[in-house]
Amino acid sequence: MAQDKKTGHPGPGQQPSNIKEQTARQASKADVSAMIERICNRSGEDIAADSERLAAEARRFYEEQMRIRSQNQREQMIYIAKLALPVAFILGAWHWLC
């Protein structure tokens, strides 16, 4: 059986019979080759600009992560206070009354 009748995919060890699939695979390989060639042919200014852009993006990402962490800590402290203060008030009142 050359193809699985349900899916139309080639069986194990079989070449794809679909010309579109072969063409897409070849185009994908050509795109990757072109991308690698563009990377190799970049000038120093392009690399420096990309490095600066990536460094700025990394700083923004780090700052955003720190803001998120700070917000989570703040929310956790508020949650603990909401639990602890009523308990402390009840224990204090019980101690004062007894």
Protein backbone atom coordinates (compact mmCIF):
# COMPACT_ATOMS: atom_id res chain seq x y z
CA MET A 1 0.00 0.00 0.00
CA ALA A 2 1.69 3.24 -1.14
CA GLN A 3 -0.56 5.59 0.82
CA ASP A 4 -2.74 5.45 3.86
CA LYS A 5 -6.23 5.77 2.37
CA LYS A 6 -7.67 7.68 5.34
CA THR A 7 -5.06 10.42 5.67
CA GLY A 8 -3.44 10.42 2.25
CA HIS A 9 0.01 10.47 3.87
CA PRO A 10 2.74 8.27 2.44
CA GLY A 11 3.34 4.99 4.19
CA PRO A 12 6.56 4.23 6.04
CA GLY A 13 9.55 4.44 3.71
CA GLN A 14 7.43 5.83 0.86
CA GLN A 15 8.06 9.09 -0.99
CA PRO A 16 5.22 11.62 -1.01
CA SER A 17 3.17 11.28 -4.14
CA ASN A 18 1.74 14.76 -3.88
CA ILE A 19 3.63 17.24 -6.09
CA LYS A 20 2.47 20.18 -3.95
CA GLU A 21 4.00 18.58 -0.86
CA GLN A 22 7.31 18.03 -2.65
CA THR A 23 7.30 21.61 -3.98
CA ALA A 24 6.52 23.01 -0.52
CA ARG A 25 9.35 20.97 0.99
CA GLN A 26 11.81 22.23 -1.65
CA ALA A 27 10.65 25.83 -1.16
CA SER A 28 11.12 25.46 2.58
CA LYS A 29 14.69 24.23 2.08
CA ALA A 30 15.36 27.16 -0.28
CA ASP A 31 13.95 29.63 2.27
CA VAL A 32 16.22 28.25 4.99
CA SER A 33 19.24 28.42 2.69
CA ALA A 34 18.42 32.02 1.75
CA MET A 35 17.98 32.96 5.41
CA ILE A 36 21.35 31.44 6.33
CA GLU A 37 23.01 33.29 3.45
CA ARG A 38 21.46 36.61 4.54
CA ILE A 39 22.73 36.03 8.09
CA CYS A 40 26.24 35.33 6.83
CA ASN A 41 26.26 38.43 4.60
CA ARG A 42 25.16 40.93 7.26
CA SER A 43 27.38 43.91 7.91
CA GLY A 44 28.81 44.86 11.27
CA GLU A 45 26.37 47.79 11.54
CA ASP A 46 23.42 45.44 11.07
CA ILE A 47 24.73 43.08 13.72
CA ALA A 48 25.37 45.98 16.14
CA ALA A 49 21.88 47.39 15.55
CA ASP A 50 20.32 43.97 16.12
CA SER A 51 22.38 43.51 19.27
CA GLU A 52 21.26 46.88 20.65
CA ARG A 53 17.64 46.16 19.78
CA LEU A 54 17.79 42.75 21.44
CA ALA A 55 19.51 44.19 24.53
CA ALA A 56 16.79 46.84 24.87
CA GLU A 57 14.10 44.19 24.44
CA ALA A 58 15.79 42.00 27.07
CA ARG A 59 15.85 44.94 29.52
CA ARG A 60 12.15 45.63 28.92
CA PHE A 61 11.34 41.96 29.41
CA TYR A 62 13.35 41.82 32.66
CA GLU A 63 11.68 44.97 33.98
CA GLU A 64 8.25 43.60 33.14
CA GLN A 65 9.06 40.33 34.92
CA MET A 66 10.21 42.27 38.00
CA ARG A 67 6.95 44.29 37.97
CA ILE A 68 4.95 41.08 37.76
CA ARG A 69 6.95 39.52 40.61
CA SER A 70 6.49 42.64 42.75
CA GLN A 71 2.75 42.67 42.06
CA ASN A 72 2.48 38.99 43.00
CA GLN A 73 4.35 39.59 46.26
CA ARG A 74 2.11 42.56 47.05
CA GLU A 75 -1.02 40.48 46.40
CA GLN A 76 0.35 37.67 48.56
CA MET A 77 1.01 40.07 51.46
CA ILE A 78 -2.53 41.48 51.18
CA TYR A 79 -3.94 37.94 51.23
CA ILE A 80 -1.91 37.05 54.34
CA ALA A 81 -3.00 40.27 56.05
CA LYS A 82 -6.66 39.53 55.27
CA LEU A 83 -6.26 36.15 56.96
CA ALA A 84 -4.01 37.11 59.87
CA LEU A 85 -5.60 40.36 61.08
CA PRO A 86 -9.06 38.96 61.90
CA VAL A 87 -7.47 35.98 63.67
CA ALA A 88 -5.19 38.30 65.67
CA PHE A 89 -8.17 40.52 66.55
CA ILE A 90 -10.24 37.56 67.76
CA LEU A 91 -7.35 36.16 69.81
CA GLY A 92 -6.65 39.61 71.30
CA ALA A 93 -10.30 40.11 72.21
CA TRP A 94 -10.51 36.64 73.73
CA HIS A 95 -7.35 37.25 75.78
CA TRP A 96 -8.61 40.66 76.95
CA LEU A 97 -12.01 39.28 77.97
CA CYS A 98 -10.71 36.21 79.77
